[in-house]
Amino acid sequence: MTKRNPDYDFKWCPGCGDFGVVRAVELALADRVTRLGEPIENTVVVAGIGCSGNLVHLQEGPQPFGIHGIHGRTLPIAYGVKAARPELNVLVAAGDGDFLSIGAEHIGPAAKRNMDVTCVVMDNGIYGLTKGQASPTSAFEAVTPTTPLGKLDDAMNPLELFLALGVNYIASMLSTRPRDLAATIGEAMEYPGFAIVHVQSPCTTYNDTYAALKGNPKQGIEPAAYPLPEDHDPTNREQAMAHATSGRIPVGLLFRAPESIPMYQRLTGARERAGQREAPDVEALLSTLEI
């Protein structure tokens, strides 16, 4: 805790990258209210379990609605909210353990439906809230309480996964640049379809992998990142995949599908088609059955 920043009175460790993310979310939502004139009550934040889930409790000023759900199920909850109330702005806040482990099975269906929500994924390569167990993005051979002999599998590459599953909007950002991150989250919320903003959000307590690789803990992950070049075409999936698999951390808008039919339009079409069908003749149907 510190008098310099009373936010540290909440249960995030000093220096946690998630503080930069919560600032960015606040800025993005405030800009949305000012620029679009949309009431803050039109936004619902769905959070999962883990350090990232606390974001739903940390918003300052006017509060959006918030749901602190269960582990790995942010996308099914968001799907329910969006299906019932398509006009709402739904923002998912999740971590690498929450979103990419038990929750990974939901990414593909959400992408195929083009669920019109924005996901902010805070990746620190570790399960921080439960004291430092290995997560899908933990480095190979990382020694943790659940991998005492070293992690046996390679770290997952989330950007490569998102591209392979057909996510229509993918951005790769750093928590150390909250204003840039806020602008990207704002753009993602306005994109008509499934959007993921993947944020490198270092854990200062249980995982300093990037700092250790660079030999200077004070530099954090910045040396491992590079800005996407000005000539990068975000509509080119092959270019996006090349940067996603470069071995470093690209920063910026990685991929954006130029055409996107969001889920709420698909829902409207399905409801219209259902209304055009005649109700089934139950008695005639039963008469064909041997009961």
C-alpha atoms as a PDB file:
ATOM      1  CA  MET A   1       0.000   0.000   0.000  1.00  0.00           C
ATOM      2  CA  THR A   2       1.136   3.531  -0.602  1.00  0.00           C
ATOM      3  CA  LYS A   3      -0.139   7.058  -0.015  1.00  0.00           C
ATOM      4  CA  ARG A   4       1.134   8.025  -3.474  1.00  0.00           C
ATOM      5  CA  ASN A   5      -1.470   5.815  -5.109  1.00  0.00           C
ATOM      6  CA  PRO A   6      -4.444   4.837  -2.946  1.00  0.00           C
ATOM      7  CA  ASP A   7      -5.517   2.331  -5.611  1.00  0.00           C
ATOM      8  CA  TYR A   8      -2.863   0.048  -4.161  1.00  0.00           C
ATOM      9  CA  ASP A   9      -5.120  -0.359  -1.141  1.00  0.00           C
ATOM     10  CA  PHE A  10      -7.001  -2.837  -3.285  1.00  0.00           C
ATOM     11  CA  LYS A  11      -5.586  -6.326  -3.560  1.00  0.00           C
ATOM     12  CA  TRP A  12      -3.344  -5.958  -6.564  1.00  0.00           C
ATOM     13  CA  CYS A  13       0.405  -5.953  -6.027  1.00  0.00           C
ATOM     14  CA  PRO A  14       2.288  -2.661  -6.427  1.00  0.00           C
ATOM     15  CA  GLY A  15       3.505  -2.376 -10.000  1.00  0.00           C
ATOM     16  CA  CYS A  16       0.972  -4.858 -11.394  1.00  0.00           C
ATOM     17  CA  GLY A  17       0.324  -4.286 -15.079  1.00  0.00           C
ATOM     18  CA  ASP A  18      -3.413  -4.586 -14.500  1.00  0.00           C
ATOM     19  CA  PHE A  19      -3.453  -1.063 -13.056  1.00  0.00           C
ATOM     20  CA  GLY A  20      -2.572   0.247 -16.517  1.00  0.00           C
ATOM     21  CA  VAL A  21      -5.383  -1.825 -18.003  1.00  0.00           C
ATOM     22  CA  VAL A  22      -8.032  -0.540 -15.602  1.00  0.00           C
ATOM     23  CA  ARG A  23      -6.962   3.041 -16.372  1.00  0.00           C
ATOM     24  CA  ALA A  24      -7.236   2.313 -20.078  1.00  0.00           C
ATOM     25  CA  VAL A  25     -10.718   0.823 -19.682  1.00  0.00           C
ATOM     26  CA  GLU A  26     -11.841   3.863 -17.679  1.00  0.00           C
ATOM     27  CA  LEU A  27     -10.510   6.220 -20.343  1.00  0.00           C
ATOM     28  CA  ALA A  28     -12.103   4.236 -23.173  1.00  0.00           C
ATOM     29  CA  LEU A  29     -15.514   4.142 -21.501  1.00  0.00           C
ATOM     30  CA  ALA A  30     -15.372   7.845 -20.570  1.00  0.00           C
ATOM     31  CA  ASP A  31     -14.536   8.697 -24.184  1.00  0.00           C
ATOM     32  CA  ARG A  32     -17.426   6.541 -25.388  1.00  0.00           C
ATOM     33  CA  VAL A  33     -19.844   8.390 -23.105  1.00  0.00           C
ATOM     34  CA  THR A  34     -18.555  11.801 -24.219  1.00  0.00           C
ATOM     35  CA  ARG A  35     -18.117  11.149 -27.934  1.00  0.00           C
ATOM     36  CA  LEU A  36     -21.112   8.924 -28.638  1.00  0.00           C
ATOM     37  CA  GLY A  37     -23.395  10.291 -25.939  1.00  0.00           C
ATOM     38  CA  GLU A  38     -24.037   6.733 -24.796  1.00  0.00           C
ATOM     39  CA  PRO A  39     -24.946   6.348 -21.100  1.00  0.00           C
ATOM     40  CA  ILE A  40     -22.417   4.385 -19.064  1.00  0.00           C
ATOM     41  CA  GLU A  41     -25.320   2.140 -18.011  1.00  0.00           C
ATOM     42  CA  ASN A  42     -25.365   0.785 -21.579  1.00  0.00           C
ATOM     43  CA  THR A  43     -22.073  -1.003 -20.888  1.00  0.00           C
ATOM     44  CA  VAL A  44     -21.812  -4.359 -19.126  1.00  0.00           C
ATOM     45  CA  VAL A  45     -18.398  -5.595 -17.971  1.00  0.00           C
ATOM     46  CA  VAL A  46     -18.151  -9.387 -17.645  1.00  0.00           C
ATOM     47  CA  ALA A  47     -15.142 -10.562 -15.642  1.00  0.00           C
ATOM     48  CA  GLY A  48     -13.754 -13.985 -14.892  1.00  0.00           C
ATOM     49  CA  ILE A  49     -11.785 -15.385 -11.985  1.00  0.00           C
ATOM     50  CA  GLY A  50      -8.230 -14.304 -11.184  1.00  0.00           C
ATOM     51  CA  CYS A  51      -6.417 -11.014 -10.712  1.00  0.00           C
ATOM     52  CA  SER A  52      -7.987  -9.702 -13.922  1.00  0.00           C
ATOM     53  CA  GLY A  53     -11.472 -10.326 -12.545  1.00  0.00           C
ATOM     54  CA  ASN A  54     -11.003  -7.579  -9.970  1.00  0.00           C
ATOM     55  CA  LEU A  55     -11.206  -5.026 -12.776  1.00  0.00           C
ATOM     56  CA  VAL A  56     -14.981  -5.150 -12.539  1.00  0.00           C
ATOM     57  CA  HIS A  57     -14.739  -3.689  -9.006  1.00  0.00           C
ATOM     58  CA  LEU A  58     -12.138  -1.005  -9.690  1.00  0.00           C
ATOM     59  CA  GLN A  59     -13.886   1.375 -12.061  1.00  0.00           C
ATOM     60  CA  GLU A  60     -13.836   4.975 -10.832  1.00  0.00           C
ATOM     61  CA  GLY A  61     -16.608   7.502 -11.460  1.00  0.00           C
ATOM     62  CA  PRO A  62     -19.911   6.460 -13.047  1.00  0.00           C
ATOM     63  CA  GLN A  63     -20.187   2.685 -12.946  1.00  0.00           C
ATOM     64  CA  PRO A  64     -21.027   0.349 -15.817  1.00  0.00           C
ATOM     65  CA  PHE A  65     -22.952  -2.758 -14.906  1.00  0.00           C
ATOM     66  CA  GLY A  66     -20.648  -5.593 -13.897  1.00  0.00           C
ATOM     67  CA  ILE A  67     -20.787  -9.372 -13.602  1.00  0.00           C
ATOM     68  CA  HIS A  68     -17.983 -11.183 -11.790  1.00  0.00           C
ATOM     69  CA  GLY A  69     -18.584 -14.662 -13.179  1.00  0.00           C
ATOM     70  CA  ILE A  70     -16.966 -18.052 -12.767  1.00  0.00           C
ATOM     71  CA  HIS A  71     -13.640 -19.335 -13.985  1.00  0.00           C
ATOM     72  CA  GLY A  72     -13.312 -19.571 -17.759  1.00  0.00           C
ATOM     73  CA  ARG A  73     -16.925 -18.689 -18.529  1.00  0.00           C
ATOM     74  CA  THR A  74     -16.765 -15.017 -19.467  1.00  0.00           C
ATOM     75  CA  LEU A  75     -17.718 -15.689 -23.083  1.00  0.00           C
ATOM     76  CA  PRO A  76     -20.848 -17.786 -22.352  1.00  0.00           C
ATOM     77  CA  ILE A  77     -22.045 -15.100 -19.914  1.00  0.00           C
ATOM     78  CA  ALA A  78     -21.307 -12.373 -22.460  1.00  0.00           C
ATOM     79  CA  TYR A  79     -23.161 -14.395 -25.090  1.00  0.00           C
ATOM     80  CA  GLY A  80     -26.224 -14.527 -22.847  1.00  0.00           C
ATOM     81  CA  VAL A  81     -26.144 -10.779 -22.218  1.00  0.00           C
ATOM     82  CA  LYS A  82     -25.694  -9.946 -25.895  1.00  0.00           C
ATOM     83  CA  ALA A  83     -28.349 -12.395 -27.065  1.00  0.00           C
ATOM     84  CA  ALA A  84     -30.915 -10.970 -24.659  1.00  0.00           C
ATOM     85  CA  ARG A  85     -29.944  -7.309 -25.079  1.00  0.00           C
ATOM     86  CA  PRO A  86     -28.122  -6.814 -28.412  1.00  0.00           C
ATOM     87  CA  GLU A  87     -28.076  -3.027 -27.975  1.00  0.00           C
ATOM     88  CA  LEU A  88     -25.772  -3.201 -24.939  1.00  0.00           C
ATOM     89  CA  ASN A  89     -22.011  -2.673 -25.158  1.00  0.00           C
ATOM     90  CA  VAL A  90     -20.458  -5.800 -23.633  1.00  0.00           C
ATOM     91  CA  LEU A  91     -16.836  -5.770 -22.480  1.00  0.00           C
ATOM     92  CA  VAL A  92     -15.095  -8.936 -21.265  1.00  0.00           C
ATOM     93  CA  ALA A  93     -12.175  -8.636 -18.824  1.00  0.00           C
ATOM     94  CA  ALA A  94     -10.159 -11.833 -18.469  1.00  0.00           C
ATOM     95  CA  GLY A  95      -6.688 -13.186 -17.775  1.00  0.00           C
ATOM     96  CA  ASP A  96      -4.505 -15.704 -19.582  1.00  0.00           C
ATOM     97  CA  GLY A  97      -5.379 -18.485 -17.145  1.00  0.00           C
ATOM     98  CA  ASP A  98      -9.072 -17.649 -17.207  1.00  0.00           C
ATOM     99  CA  PHE A  99      -9.440 -17.014 -20.962  1.00  0.00           C
ATOM    100  CA  LEU A 100      -6.847 -19.338 -22.477  1.00  0.00           C
ATOM    101  CA  SER A 101      -7.069 -22.382 -20.219  1.00  0.00           C
ATOM    102  CA  ILE A 102     -10.537 -23.567 -19.190  1.00  0.00           C
ATOM    103  CA  GLY A 103     -12.053 -20.711 -21.183  1.00  0.00           C
ATOM    104  CA  ALA A 104     -10.231 -21.457 -24.440  1.00  0.00           C
ATOM    105  CA  GLU A 105     -12.956 -23.829 -25.642  1.00  0.00           C
ATOM    106  CA  HIS A 106     -15.340 -20.867 -25.987  1.00  0.00           C
ATOM    107  CA  ILE A 107     -13.154 -18.678 -28.225  1.00  0.00           C
ATOM    108  CA  GLY A 108     -13.782 -20.627 -31.432  1.00  0.00           C
ATOM    109  CA  PRO A 109     -17.608 -20.649 -31.167  1.00  0.00           C
ATOM    110  CA  ALA A 110     -17.620 -16.946 -30.230  1.00  0.00           C
ATOM    111  CA  ALA A 111     -15.496 -16.182 -33.297  1.00  0.00           C
ATOM    112  CA  LYS A 112     -17.713 -18.260 -35.605  1.00  0.00           C
ATOM    113  CA  ARG A 113     -20.829 -16.506 -34.326  1.00  0.00           C
ATOM    114  CA  ASN A 114     -18.933 -13.206 -34.550  1.00  0.00           C
ATOM    115  CA  MET A 115     -20.243 -12.358 -31.114  1.00  0.00           C
ATOM    116  CA  ASP A 116     -20.371  -8.560 -30.902  1.00  0.00           C
ATOM    117  CA  VAL A 117     -18.310  -8.129 -27.729  1.00  0.00           C
ATOM    118  CA  THR A 118     -14.860  -6.778 -26.924  1.00  0.00           C
ATOM    119  CA  CYS A 119     -12.468  -8.922 -24.870  1.00  0.00           C
ATOM    120  CA  VAL A 120      -9.582  -7.364 -22.961  1.00  0.00           C
ATOM    121  CA  VAL A 121      -7.221 -10.206 -22.063  1.00  0.00           C
ATOM    122  CA  MET A 122      -4.555  -9.469 -19.448  1.00  0.00           C
ATOM    123  CA  ASP A 123      -1.660 -11.870 -20.040  1.00  0.00           C
ATOM    124  CA  ASN A 124       0.955 -12.187 -17.308  1.00  0.00           C
ATOM    125  CA  GLY A 125       1.987 -15.761 -18.063  1.00  0.00           C
ATOM    126  CA  ILE A 126       1.019 -17.045 -14.629  1.00  0.00           C
ATOM    127  CA  TYR A 127      -1.870 -17.719 -12.266  1.00  0.00           C
ATOM    128  CA  GLY A 128      -1.208 -14.739 -10.013  1.00  0.00           C
ATOM    129  CA  LEU A 129      -4.204 -14.735  -7.669  1.00  0.00           C
ATOM    130  CA  THR A 130      -3.624 -18.347  -6.610  1.00  0.00           C
ATOM    131  CA  LYS A 131       0.062 -17.730  -5.956  1.00  0.00           C
ATOM    132  CA  GLY A 132       1.999 -18.360  -9.119  1.00  0.00           C
ATOM    133  CA  GLN A 133       0.987 -21.630 -10.770  1.00  0.00           C
ATOM    134  CA  ALA A 134       1.814 -22.206 -14.441  1.00  0.00           C
ATOM    135  CA  SER A 135      -0.692 -20.900 -16.992  1.00  0.00           C
ATOM    136  CA  PRO A 136      -0.989 -21.680 -20.718  1.00  0.00           C
ATOM    137  CA  THR A 137       1.319 -18.758 -21.559  1.00  0.00           C
ATOM    138  CA  SER A 138       3.989 -19.602 -18.963  1.00  0.00           C
ATOM    139  CA  ALA A 139       7.369 -20.244 -20.550  1.00  0.00           C
ATOM    140  CA  PHE A 140       8.696 -23.740 -21.276  1.00  0.00           C
ATOM    141  CA  GLU A 141      10.565 -25.164 -18.255  1.00  0.00           C
ATOM    142  CA  ALA A 142       9.156 -22.470 -15.933  1.00  0.00           C
ATOM    143  CA  VAL A 143       9.354 -23.700 -12.347  1.00  0.00           C
ATOM    144  CA  THR A 144       6.137 -23.022 -10.440  1.00  0.00           C
ATOM    145  CA  PRO A 145       4.175 -24.711  -7.623  1.00  0.00           C
ATOM    146  CA  THR A 146       2.370 -26.855 -10.219  1.00  0.00           C
ATOM    147  CA  THR A 147       5.471 -27.476 -12.357  1.00  0.00           C
ATOM    148  CA  PRO A 148       8.233 -28.100  -9.787  1.00  0.00           C
ATOM    149  CA  LEU A 149      10.374 -29.897 -12.387  1.00  0.00           C
ATOM    150  CA  GLY A 150       9.773 -27.240 -15.004  1.00  0.00           C
ATOM    151  CA  LYS A 151       6.851 -26.751 -17.387  1.00  0.00           C
ATOM    152  CA  LEU A 152       6.836 -29.540 -19.950  1.00  0.00           C
ATOM    153  CA  ASP A 153       4.831 -27.845 -22.689  1.00  0.00           C
ATOM    154  CA  ASP A 154       5.693 -24.791 -24.765  1.00  0.00           C
ATOM    155  CA  ALA A 155       3.981 -21.508 -24.007  1.00  0.00           C
ATOM    156  CA  MET A 156       0.776 -20.926 -25.945  1.00  0.00           C
ATOM    157  CA  ASN A 157       0.905 -18.187 -28.571  1.00  0.00           C
ATOM    158  CA  PRO A 158      -2.446 -16.400 -28.062  1.00  0.00           C
ATOM    159  CA  LEU A 159      -2.193 -14.220 -31.171  1.00  0.00           C
ATOM    160  CA  GLU A 160      -1.575 -17.250 -33.371  1.00  0.00           C
ATOM    161  CA  LEU A 161      -4.511 -19.022 -31.710  1.00  0.00           C
ATOM    162  CA  PHE A 162      -6.896 -16.096 -32.232  1.00  0.00           C
ATOM    163  CA  LEU A 163      -5.972 -15.880 -35.915  1.00  0.00           C
ATOM    164  CA  ALA A 164      -6.365 -19.626 -36.399  1.00  0.00           C
ATOM    165  CA  LEU A 165      -9.826 -19.572 -34.791  1.00  0.00           C
ATOM    166  CA  GLY A 166     -11.029 -16.789 -37.072  1.00  0.00           C
ATOM    167  CA  VAL A 167     -11.296 -13.879 -34.644  1.00  0.00           C
ATOM    168  CA  ASN A 168     -12.183 -10.824 -36.738  1.00  0.00           C
ATOM    169  CA  TYR A 169     -10.396  -8.103 -34.739  1.00  0.00           C
ATOM    170  CA  ILE A 170      -7.106  -8.716 -32.911  1.00  0.00           C
ATOM    171  CA  ALA A 171      -4.886  -6.101 -31.275  1.00  0.00           C
ATOM    172  CA  SER A 172      -1.695  -6.693 -29.309  1.00  0.00           C
ATOM    173  CA  MET A 173      -0.898  -4.081 -26.681  1.00  0.00           C
ATOM    174  CA  LEU A 174       1.132  -3.321 -23.546  1.00  0.00           C
ATOM    175  CA  SER A 175      -0.269  -2.306 -20.160  1.00  0.00           C
ATOM    176  CA  THR A 176       2.578   0.205 -19.803  1.00  0.00           C
ATOM    177  CA  ARG A 177       0.936   2.449 -22.421  1.00  0.00           C
ATOM    178  CA  PRO A 178      -2.565   3.066 -21.019  1.00  0.00           C
ATOM    179  CA  ARG A 179      -3.535   5.899 -23.385  1.00  0.00           C
ATOM    180  CA  ASP A 180      -2.627   3.903 -26.489  1.00  0.00           C
ATOM    181  CA  LEU A 181      -4.423   0.939 -24.968  1.00  0.00           C
ATOM    182  CA  ALA A 182      -7.504   3.076 -24.241  1.00  0.00           C
ATOM    183  CA  ALA A 183      -7.677   4.208 -27.870  1.00  0.00           C
ATOM    184  CA  THR A 184      -7.421   0.611 -29.069  1.00  0.00           C
ATOM    185  CA  ILE A 185     -10.120  -0.610 -26.671  1.00  0.00           C
ATOM    186  CA  GLY A 186     -12.349   2.224 -27.886  1.00  0.00           C
ATOM    187  CA  GLU A 187     -11.848   1.175 -31.506  1.00  0.00           C
ATOM    188  CA  ALA A 188     -12.465  -2.460 -30.640  1.00  0.00           C
ATOM    189  CA  MET A 189     -15.749  -1.615 -28.906  1.00  0.00           C
ATOM    190  CA  GLU A 190     -16.949   0.126 -32.068  1.00  0.00           C
ATOM    191  CA  TYR A 191     -15.928  -2.749 -34.335  1.00  0.00           C
ATOM    192  CA  PRO A 192     -19.060  -4.671 -35.409  1.00  0.00           C
ATOM    193  CA  GLY A 193     -18.075  -8.137 -34.281  1.00  0.00           C
ATOM    194  CA  PHE A 194     -15.857 -10.252 -32.046  1.00  0.00           C
ATOM    195  CA  ALA A 195     -12.804  -8.262 -30.950  1.00  0.00           C
ATOM    196  CA  ILE A 196      -9.888  -9.274 -28.732  1.00  0.00           C
ATOM    197  CA  VAL A 197      -7.385  -6.812 -27.297  1.00  0.00           C
ATOM    198  CA  HIS A 198      -4.552  -8.956 -25.948  1.00  0.00           C
ATOM    199  CA  VAL A 199      -2.500  -7.050 -23.366  1.00  0.00           C
ATOM    200  CA  GLN A 200       0.900  -7.953 -21.968  1.00  0.00           C
ATOM    201  CA  SER A 201       0.318  -7.146 -18.297  1.00  0.00           C
ATOM    202  CA  PRO A 202       3.362  -8.275 -16.298  1.00  0.00           C
ATOM    203  CA  CYS A 203       3.113  -9.892 -12.882  1.00  0.00           C
ATOM    204  CA  THR A 204       5.727  -8.258 -10.652  1.00  0.00           C
ATOM    205  CA  THR A 205       5.364 -10.875  -7.918  1.00  0.00           C
ATOM    206  CA  TYR A 206       5.320 -14.306  -9.580  1.00  0.00           C
ATOM    207  CA  ASN A 207       6.580 -13.890 -13.131  1.00  0.00           C
ATOM    208  CA  ASP A 208       9.386 -11.677 -14.351  1.00  0.00           C
ATOM    209  CA  THR A 209      10.178 -13.906 -17.339  1.00  0.00           C
ATOM    210  CA  TYR A 210      10.539 -11.099 -19.853  1.00  0.00           C
ATOM    211  CA  ALA A 211      12.740  -9.068 -17.540  1.00  0.00           C
ATOM    212  CA  ALA A 212      14.892 -12.088 -16.773  1.00  0.00           C
ATOM    213  CA  LEU A 213      15.327 -12.848 -20.466  1.00  0.00           C
ATOM    214  CA  LYS A 214      16.622  -9.326 -21.027  1.00  0.00           C
ATOM    215  CA  GLY A 215      18.758  -9.329 -17.914  1.00  0.00           C
ATOM    216  CA  ASN A 216      17.313  -6.074 -16.583  1.00  0.00           C
ATOM    217  CA  PRO A 217      14.255  -6.356 -14.307  1.00  0.00           C
ATOM    218  CA  LYS A 218      13.722  -2.578 -14.405  1.00  0.00           C
ATOM    219  CA  GLN A 219      13.091  -2.634 -18.156  1.00  0.00           C
ATOM    220  CA  GLY A 220      10.130  -5.010 -17.888  1.00  0.00           C
ATOM    221  CA  ILE A 221       8.761  -6.367 -21.164  1.00  0.00           C
ATOM    222  CA  GLU A 222       9.377  -3.283 -23.303  1.00  0.00           C
ATOM    223  CA  PRO A 223      12.614  -4.666 -24.874  1.00  0.00           C
ATOM    224  CA  ALA A 224      10.724  -7.764 -26.039  1.00  0.00           C
ATOM    225  CA  ALA A 225       8.129  -5.691 -27.940  1.00  0.00           C
ATOM    226  CA  TYR A 226       8.179  -3.871 -31.272  1.00  0.00           C
ATOM    227  CA  PRO A 227       5.635  -1.591 -32.980  1.00  0.00           C
ATOM    228  CA  LEU A 228       3.923  -2.991 -36.036  1.00  0.00           C
ATOM    229  CA  PRO A 229       5.443  -1.256 -39.094  1.00  0.00           C
ATOM    230  CA  GLU A 230       3.531   1.543 -40.799  1.00  0.00           C
ATOM    231  CA  ASP A 231       3.126  -0.537 -43.936  1.00  0.00           C
ATOM    232  CA  HIS A 232       1.477  -3.420 -42.042  1.00  0.00           C
ATOM    233  CA  ASP A 233      -1.881  -4.225 -43.637  1.00  0.00           C
ATOM    234  CA  PRO A 234      -4.227  -5.315 -40.814  1.00  0.00           C
ATOM    235  CA  THR A 235      -6.625  -6.856 -43.351  1.00  0.00           C
ATOM    236  CA  ASN A 236      -3.891  -9.256 -44.525  1.00  0.00           C
ATOM    237  CA  ARG A 237      -4.147 -12.456 -42.475  1.00  0.00           C
ATOM    238  CA  GLU A 238      -0.804 -13.802 -43.729  1.00  0.00           C
ATOM    239  CA  GLN A 239       1.024 -10.641 -42.634  1.00  0.00           C
ATOM    240  CA  ALA A 240      -0.722 -10.800 -39.286  1.00  0.00           C
ATOM    241  CA  MET A 241       0.312 -14.424 -38.781  1.00  0.00           C
ATOM    242  CA  ALA A 242       3.919 -13.608 -39.668  1.00  0.00           C
ATOM    243  CA  HIS A 243       4.037 -10.978 -36.919  1.00  0.00           C
ATOM    244  CA  ALA A 244       2.164 -13.220 -34.469  1.00  0.00           C
ATOM    245  CA  THR A 245       4.809 -15.931 -34.889  1.00  0.00           C
ATOM    246  CA  SER A 246       7.858 -13.624 -35.024  1.00  0.00           C
ATOM    247  CA  GLY A 247       9.054 -14.647 -31.557  1.00  0.00           C
ATOM    248  CA  ARG A 248       8.643 -11.114 -30.252  1.00  0.00           C
ATOM    249  CA  ILE A 249       5.624  -9.053 -29.157  1.00  0.00           C
ATOM    250  CA  PRO A 250       4.049  -6.994 -31.937  1.00  0.00           C
ATOM    251  CA  VAL A 251       2.285  -3.864 -30.680  1.00  0.00           C
ATOM    252  CA  GLY A 252      -0.701  -2.412 -32.509  1.00  0.00           C
ATOM    253  CA  LEU A 253      -3.669  -3.557 -34.570  1.00  0.00           C
ATOM    254  CA  LEU A 254      -2.662  -6.985 -35.804  1.00  0.00           C
ATOM    255  CA  PHE A 255      -5.753  -8.013 -37.770  1.00  0.00           C
ATOM    256  CA  ARG A 256      -9.131  -6.566 -38.681  1.00  0.00           C
ATOM    257  CA  ALA A 257     -11.487  -8.334 -41.069  1.00  0.00           C
ATOM    258  CA  PRO A 258     -12.777  -5.726 -43.559  1.00  0.00           C
ATOM    259  CA  GLU A 259     -16.248  -7.297 -43.632  1.00  0.00           C
ATOM    260  CA  SER A 260     -17.989  -8.293 -40.440  1.00  0.00           C
ATOM    261  CA  ILE A 261     -21.581  -9.359 -39.818  1.00  0.00           C
ATOM    262  CA  PRO A 262     -22.040  -9.082 -36.056  1.00  0.00           C
ATOM    263  CA  MET A 263     -24.003 -11.559 -33.987  1.00  0.00           C
ATOM    264  CA  TYR A 264     -26.917  -9.226 -33.295  1.00  0.00           C
ATOM    265  CA  GLN A 265     -27.634  -9.022 -37.029  1.00  0.00           C
ATOM    266  CA  ARG A 266     -27.546 -12.807 -37.234  1.00  0.00           C
ATOM    267  CA  LEU A 267     -29.932 -12.971 -34.264  1.00  0.00           C
ATOM    268  CA  THR A 268     -32.316 -10.534 -35.930  1.00  0.00           C
ATOM    269  CA  GLY A 269     -32.291 -12.587 -39.121  1.00  0.00           C
ATOM    270  CA  ALA A 270     -32.898 -15.807 -37.192  1.00  0.00           C
ATOM    271  CA  ARG A 271     -35.834 -14.273 -35.338  1.00  0.00           C
ATOM    272  CA  GLU A 272     -37.331 -12.992 -38.570  1.00  0.00           C
ATOM    273  CA  ARG A 273     -37.007 -16.418 -40.185  1.00  0.00           C
ATOM    274  CA  ALA A 274     -38.581 -18.025 -37.134  1.00  0.00           C
ATOM    275  CA  GLY A 275     -41.517 -15.601 -37.364  1.00  0.00           C
ATOM    276  CA  GLN A 276     -42.086 -16.513 -40.996  1.00  0.00           C
ATOM    277  CA  ARG A 277     -42.418 -20.227 -40.264  1.00  0.00           C
ATOM    278  CA  GLU A 278     -45.800 -21.690 -39.482  1.00  0.00           C
ATOM    279  CA  ALA A 279     -46.295 -23.194 -36.052  1.00  0.00           C
ATOM    280  CA  PRO A 280     -46.018 -27.007 -36.144  1.00  0.00           C
ATOM    281  CA  ASP A 281     -49.216 -29.048 -36.059  1.00  0.00           C
ATOM    282  CA  VAL A 282     -48.566 -30.906 -32.814  1.00  0.00           C
ATOM    283  CA  GLU A 283     -51.584 -33.226 -33.117  1.00  0.00           C
ATOM    284  CA  ALA A 284     -50.613 -34.271 -36.637  1.00  0.00           C
ATOM    285  CA  LEU A 285     -47.067 -34.882 -35.457  1.00  0.00           C
ATOM    286  CA  LEU A 286     -48.237 -37.026 -32.542  1.00  0.00           C
ATOM    287  CA  SER A 287     -50.502 -39.051 -34.825  1.00  0.00           C
ATOM    288  CA  THR A 288     -47.418 -40.224 -36.741  1.00  0.00           C
ATOM    289  CA  LEU A 289     -45.774 -41.546 -33.589  1.00  0.00           C
ATOM    290  CA  GLU A 290     -46.430 -44.939 -32.109  1.00  0.00           C
ATOM    291  CA  ILE A 291     -47.122 -44.116 -28.483  1.00  0.00           C
END
